[in-house]
Amino acid sequence: MKKRVNKLSRRVYVKGKKTYAKGQAPDLSKSNRYQNIISLMSIRVEDVHEANPMDRTGEFYFEVGGKGLLKHDYRIPFHGEIKIKENLTYSAKQDFTLWISFDEADKEKTRSIPIKFRERDATRDDTIIKTEIPITYGSGTKYEVIKGPGISVKIKISSRKTRY
């Protein structure tokens, strides 16, 4: 560890922090905890179904969960919608997390997460894509494109071992 001195206060501090005991190294091969993440990468809209032909902007959101995973569906974004004009692509600048969980398993197993991609209108909400995303524990990172009528959604599915 490097010791640094702050010139203004003359306080000595240690850069970095060990999170395990002396002589103990983190061994992930014995760990049975997995971090599972589903993230949104981009949305491509080719056709928007709007009642007003002059307004070609769609308002979209996700519902993740259900089937006993949570008490209710988990809406993303919590408030408002993702607004995308026709023939344009929405790209997240950083990972736009749709689902995250920490799970324990003795061996690699697969878990399915139900996802609905919905378009919001003033009179009703239409479900455009309804699918289940399989997550295989410890499989690493993979990318998947989900297609619907006039829309394609690219997501990142990541599952890795963790000590936390």
C-alpha atoms as a PDB file:
ATOM      1  CA  MET A   1       0.000   0.000   0.000  1.00  0.00           C
ATOM      2  CA  LYS A   2       1.180   3.475  -0.808  1.00  0.00           C
ATOM      3  CA  LYS A   3       0.975   6.070   1.899  1.00  0.00           C
ATOM      4  CA  ARG A   4       0.158   9.563   0.748  1.00  0.00           C
ATOM      5  CA  VAL A   5       0.310  12.831   2.596  1.00  0.00           C
ATOM      6  CA  ASN A   6      -2.197  15.541   1.931  1.00  0.00           C
ATOM      7  CA  LYS A   7      -0.157  18.763   1.770  1.00  0.00           C
ATOM      8  CA  LEU A   8      -2.877  20.967   3.223  1.00  0.00           C
ATOM      9  CA  SER A   9      -3.824  19.055   6.356  1.00  0.00           C
ATOM     10  CA  ARG A  10      -0.764  16.827   6.770  1.00  0.00           C
ATOM     11  CA  ARG A  11      -3.044  13.861   7.283  1.00  0.00           C
ATOM     12  CA  VAL A  12      -1.663  10.453   6.318  1.00  0.00           C
ATOM     13  CA  TYR A  13      -4.083   8.082   4.642  1.00  0.00           C
ATOM     14  CA  VAL A  14      -3.814   4.721   2.919  1.00  0.00           C
ATOM     15  CA  LYS A  15      -4.913   4.459  -0.696  1.00  0.00           C
ATOM     16  CA  GLY A  16      -7.063   1.396  -1.307  1.00  0.00           C
ATOM     17  CA  LYS A  17      -8.666  -0.866   1.256  1.00  0.00           C
ATOM     18  CA  LYS A  18      -8.402  -4.577   1.839  1.00  0.00           C
ATOM     19  CA  THR A  19     -11.752  -6.258   2.381  1.00  0.00           C
ATOM     20  CA  TYR A  20     -10.403  -9.586   3.582  1.00  0.00           C
ATOM     21  CA  ALA A  21      -8.217 -10.791   6.454  1.00  0.00           C
ATOM     22  CA  LYS A  22      -4.419 -11.014   6.343  1.00  0.00           C
ATOM     23  CA  GLY A  23      -3.311 -14.089   4.404  1.00  0.00           C
ATOM     24  CA  GLN A  24      -6.797 -14.673   3.003  1.00  0.00           C
ATOM     25  CA  ALA A  25      -7.389 -14.206  -0.705  1.00  0.00           C
ATOM     26  CA  PRO A  26     -10.838 -14.063  -2.294  1.00  0.00           C
ATOM     27  CA  ASP A  27     -11.470 -17.440  -3.937  1.00  0.00           C
ATOM     28  CA  LEU A  28     -14.450 -17.228  -6.274  1.00  0.00           C
ATOM     29  CA  SER A  29     -14.261 -20.899  -7.259  1.00  0.00           C
ATOM     30  CA  LYS A  30     -15.843 -21.851  -3.905  1.00  0.00           C
ATOM     31  CA  SER A  31     -18.421 -19.058  -4.052  1.00  0.00           C
ATOM     32  CA  ASN A  32     -22.017 -19.983  -4.767  1.00  0.00           C
ATOM     33  CA  ARG A  33     -23.372 -16.438  -5.108  1.00  0.00           C
ATOM     34  CA  TYR A  34     -24.173 -14.925  -8.495  1.00  0.00           C
ATOM     35  CA  GLN A  35     -24.877 -11.370  -9.614  1.00  0.00           C
ATOM     36  CA  ASN A  36     -27.439 -11.301 -12.439  1.00  0.00           C
ATOM     37  CA  ILE A  37     -28.043  -8.132 -14.460  1.00  0.00           C
ATOM     38  CA  ILE A  38     -30.289  -7.339 -17.439  1.00  0.00           C
ATOM     39  CA  SER A  39     -29.483  -3.960 -19.032  1.00  0.00           C
ATOM     40  CA  LEU A  40     -30.952  -2.006 -21.929  1.00  0.00           C
ATOM     41  CA  MET A  41     -28.472  -1.101 -24.668  1.00  0.00           C
ATOM     42  CA  SER A  42     -30.681   0.422 -27.392  1.00  0.00           C
ATOM     43  CA  ILE A  43     -34.196   0.666 -28.828  1.00  0.00           C
ATOM     44  CA  ARG A  44     -34.808   1.026 -32.573  1.00  0.00           C
ATOM     45  CA  VAL A  45     -38.279   2.275 -33.570  1.00  0.00           C
ATOM     46  CA  GLU A  46     -39.378   1.910 -37.201  1.00  0.00           C
ATOM     47  CA  ASP A  47     -43.117   2.350 -36.790  1.00  0.00           C
ATOM     48  CA  VAL A  48     -45.112   4.211 -34.137  1.00  0.00           C
ATOM     49  CA  HIS A  49     -48.810   3.447 -33.737  1.00  0.00           C
ATOM     50  CA  GLU A  50     -50.240   6.833 -32.815  1.00  0.00           C
ATOM     51  CA  ALA A  51     -53.798   8.082 -33.209  1.00  0.00           C
ATOM     52  CA  ASN A  52     -52.514  11.484 -34.348  1.00  0.00           C
ATOM     53  CA  PRO A  53     -50.617  11.096 -37.661  1.00  0.00           C
ATOM     54  CA  MET A  54     -48.765  14.394 -37.109  1.00  0.00           C
ATOM     55  CA  ASP A  55     -47.217  13.220 -33.849  1.00  0.00           C
ATOM     56  CA  ARG A  56     -44.885  10.353 -34.715  1.00  0.00           C
ATOM     57  CA  THR A  57     -43.364  10.064 -31.228  1.00  0.00           C
ATOM     58  CA  GLY A  58     -43.853   6.942 -29.152  1.00  0.00           C
ATOM     59  CA  GLU A  59     -43.803   6.796 -25.363  1.00  0.00           C
ATOM     60  CA  PHE A  60     -42.391   3.481 -24.153  1.00  0.00           C
ATOM     61  CA  TYR A  61     -41.680   1.745 -20.848  1.00  0.00           C
ATOM     62  CA  PHE A  62     -40.801  -1.696 -19.492  1.00  0.00           C
ATOM     63  CA  GLU A  63     -42.489  -3.944 -16.957  1.00  0.00           C
ATOM     64  CA  VAL A  64     -40.159  -6.509 -15.413  1.00  0.00           C
ATOM     65  CA  GLY A  65     -41.065  -9.231 -12.915  1.00  0.00           C
ATOM     66  CA  GLY A  66     -44.272 -11.003 -12.068  1.00  0.00           C
ATOM     67  CA  LYS A  67     -44.826 -14.751 -11.621  1.00  0.00           C
ATOM     68  CA  GLY A  68     -43.851 -14.678  -7.956  1.00  0.00           C
ATOM     69  CA  LEU A  69     -40.592 -12.768  -8.425  1.00  0.00           C
ATOM     70  CA  LEU A  70     -42.077  -9.636  -6.896  1.00  0.00           C
ATOM     71  CA  LYS A  71     -45.420  -8.630  -5.419  1.00  0.00           C
ATOM     72  CA  HIS A  72     -46.119  -6.602  -8.553  1.00  0.00           C
ATOM     73  CA  ASP A  73     -44.507  -5.761 -11.881  1.00  0.00           C
ATOM     74  CA  TYR A  74     -41.511  -3.485 -11.685  1.00  0.00           C
ATOM     75  CA  ARG A  75     -41.956  -0.479 -14.028  1.00  0.00           C
ATOM     76  CA  ILE A  76     -38.960   1.129 -15.729  1.00  0.00           C
ATOM     77  CA  PRO A  77     -38.623   4.099 -15.773  1.00  0.00           C
ATOM     78  CA  PHE A  78     -40.536   4.619 -12.522  1.00  0.00           C
ATOM     79  CA  HIS A  79     -42.132   7.874 -13.706  1.00  0.00           C
ATOM     80  CA  GLY A  80     -42.598   9.055 -17.278  1.00  0.00           C
ATOM     81  CA  GLU A  81     -41.639   7.229 -20.437  1.00  0.00           C
ATOM     82  CA  ILE A  82     -38.819   6.843 -22.926  1.00  0.00           C
ATOM     83  CA  LYS A  83     -39.831   9.090 -25.848  1.00  0.00           C
ATOM     84  CA  ILE A  84     -38.566   8.058 -29.270  1.00  0.00           C
ATOM     85  CA  LYS A  85     -39.491   9.454 -32.662  1.00  0.00           C
ATOM     86  CA  GLU A  86     -40.196   7.194 -35.592  1.00  0.00           C
ATOM     87  CA  ASN A  87     -37.128   5.863 -37.490  1.00  0.00           C
ATOM     88  CA  LEU A  88     -34.747   6.834 -34.672  1.00  0.00           C
ATOM     89  CA  THR A  89     -32.655   4.837 -32.193  1.00  0.00           C
ATOM     90  CA  TYR A  90     -32.462   5.391 -28.431  1.00  0.00           C
ATOM     91  CA  SER A  91     -29.042   4.439 -27.071  1.00  0.00           C
ATOM     92  CA  ALA A  92     -28.249   4.471 -23.370  1.00  0.00           C
ATOM     93  CA  LYS A  93     -25.040   6.368 -22.556  1.00  0.00           C
ATOM     94  CA  GLN A  94     -24.373   3.960 -19.710  1.00  0.00           C
ATOM     95  CA  ASP A  95     -26.000   0.729 -18.624  1.00  0.00           C
ATOM     96  CA  PHE A  96     -29.753   1.233 -18.175  1.00  0.00           C
ATOM     97  CA  THR A  97     -30.462  -1.520 -15.639  1.00  0.00           C
ATOM     98  CA  LEU A  98     -33.765  -3.322 -16.054  1.00  0.00           C
ATOM     99  CA  TRP A  99     -33.169  -6.107 -13.514  1.00  0.00           C
ATOM    100  CA  ILE A 100     -30.500  -6.939 -10.928  1.00  0.00           C
ATOM    101  CA  SER A 101     -30.430  -9.749  -8.399  1.00  0.00           C
ATOM    102  CA  PHE A 102     -28.003 -11.586  -6.152  1.00  0.00           C
ATOM    103  CA  ASP A 103     -28.800 -15.299  -5.991  1.00  0.00           C
ATOM    104  CA  GLU A 104     -27.298 -18.379  -4.391  1.00  0.00           C
ATOM    105  CA  ALA A 105     -27.046 -21.715  -6.179  1.00  0.00           C
ATOM    106  CA  ASP A 106     -24.928 -24.819  -5.587  1.00  0.00           C
ATOM    107  CA  LYS A 107     -24.583 -25.447  -9.307  1.00  0.00           C
ATOM    108  CA  GLU A 108     -25.256 -23.480 -12.474  1.00  0.00           C
ATOM    109  CA  LYS A 109     -28.954 -23.157 -13.102  1.00  0.00           C
ATOM    110  CA  THR A 110     -31.244 -21.123 -15.346  1.00  0.00           C
ATOM    111  CA  ARG A 111     -33.810 -18.582 -14.224  1.00  0.00           C
ATOM    112  CA  SER A 112     -36.362 -16.824 -16.450  1.00  0.00           C
ATOM    113  CA  ILE A 113     -37.275 -13.165 -15.984  1.00  0.00           C
ATOM    114  CA  PRO A 114     -40.518 -12.018 -17.689  1.00  0.00           C
ATOM    115  CA  ILE A 115     -40.254  -8.666 -19.507  1.00  0.00           C
ATOM    116  CA  LYS A 116     -42.967  -6.614 -21.221  1.00  0.00           C
ATOM    117  CA  PHE A 117     -42.147  -3.695 -23.513  1.00  0.00           C
ATOM    118  CA  ARG A 118     -45.161  -1.390 -23.617  1.00  0.00           C
ATOM    119  CA  GLU A 119     -46.234   1.712 -25.524  1.00  0.00           C
ATOM    120  CA  ARG A 120     -48.221   4.284 -23.592  1.00  0.00           C
ATOM    121  CA  ASP A 121     -51.145   6.097 -25.217  1.00  0.00           C
ATOM    122  CA  ALA A 122     -53.694   8.448 -23.734  1.00  0.00           C
ATOM    123  CA  THR A 123     -56.514   5.916 -24.015  1.00  0.00           C
ATOM    124  CA  ARG A 124     -54.687   2.602 -23.476  1.00  0.00           C
ATOM    125  CA  ASP A 125     -51.321   0.938 -23.043  1.00  0.00           C
ATOM    126  CA  ASP A 126     -50.327  -1.616 -25.688  1.00  0.00           C
ATOM    127  CA  THR A 127     -47.996  -4.510 -24.946  1.00  0.00           C
ATOM    128  CA  ILE A 128     -45.629  -4.612 -27.932  1.00  0.00           C
ATOM    129  CA  ILE A 129     -43.198  -7.294 -26.768  1.00  0.00           C
ATOM    130  CA  LYS A 130     -43.850  -9.911 -24.095  1.00  0.00           C
ATOM    131  CA  THR A 131     -41.023 -12.370 -23.512  1.00  0.00           C
ATOM    132  CA  GLU A 132     -39.049 -14.233 -20.885  1.00  0.00           C
ATOM    133  CA  ILE A 133     -35.297 -13.721 -20.677  1.00  0.00           C
ATOM    134  CA  PRO A 134     -33.370 -16.824 -19.517  1.00  0.00           C
ATOM    135  CA  ILE A 135     -30.352 -16.168 -17.287  1.00  0.00           C
ATOM    136  CA  THR A 136     -27.864 -19.007 -16.831  1.00  0.00           C
ATOM    137  CA  TYR A 137     -25.861 -18.459 -13.638  1.00  0.00           C
ATOM    138  CA  GLY A 138     -22.159 -17.950 -14.257  1.00  0.00           C
ATOM    139  CA  SER A 139     -22.509 -17.707 -18.045  1.00  0.00           C
ATOM    140  CA  GLY A 140     -20.786 -14.333 -18.404  1.00  0.00           C
ATOM    141  CA  THR A 141     -22.114 -11.569 -20.655  1.00  0.00           C
ATOM    142  CA  LYS A 142     -24.166 -11.973 -23.795  1.00  0.00           C
ATOM    143  CA  TYR A 143     -26.220  -9.630 -25.959  1.00  0.00           C
ATOM    144  CA  GLU A 144     -29.688 -10.382 -27.289  1.00  0.00           C
ATOM    145  CA  VAL A 145     -31.959  -8.571 -29.750  1.00  0.00           C
ATOM    146  CA  ILE A 146     -35.695  -8.854 -29.154  1.00  0.00           C
ATOM    147  CA  LYS A 147     -37.898  -7.929 -32.109  1.00  0.00           C
ATOM    148  CA  GLY A 148     -41.508  -6.834 -32.145  1.00  0.00           C
ATOM    149  CA  PRO A 149     -43.773  -5.207 -34.735  1.00  0.00           C
ATOM    150  CA  GLY A 150     -41.723  -2.216 -35.925  1.00  0.00           C
ATOM    151  CA  ILE A 151     -39.403  -2.253 -32.889  1.00  0.00           C
ATOM    152  CA  SER A 152     -36.160  -3.968 -31.925  1.00  0.00           C
ATOM    153  CA  VAL A 153     -34.686  -3.868 -28.410  1.00  0.00           C
ATOM    154  CA  LYS A 154     -31.058  -4.786 -27.703  1.00  0.00           C
ATOM    155  CA  ILE A 155     -30.325  -5.944 -24.150  1.00  0.00           C
ATOM    156  CA  LYS A 156     -27.257  -7.149 -22.275  1.00  0.00           C
ATOM    157  CA  ILE A 157     -27.575 -10.210 -20.031  1.00  0.00           C
ATOM    158  CA  SER A 158     -24.793 -10.665 -17.503  1.00  0.00           C
ATOM    159  CA  SER A 159     -24.313 -13.309 -14.828  1.00  0.00           C
ATOM    160  CA  ARG A 160     -21.118 -13.791 -12.866  1.00  0.00           C
ATOM    161  CA  LYS A 161     -19.875 -15.150  -9.585  1.00  0.00           C
ATOM    162  CA  THR A 162     -19.403 -12.711  -6.757  1.00  0.00           C
ATOM    163  CA  ARG A 163     -18.225 -12.882  -3.172  1.00  0.00           C
ATOM    164  CA  TYR A 164     -20.792 -10.403  -1.906  1.00  0.00           C
END
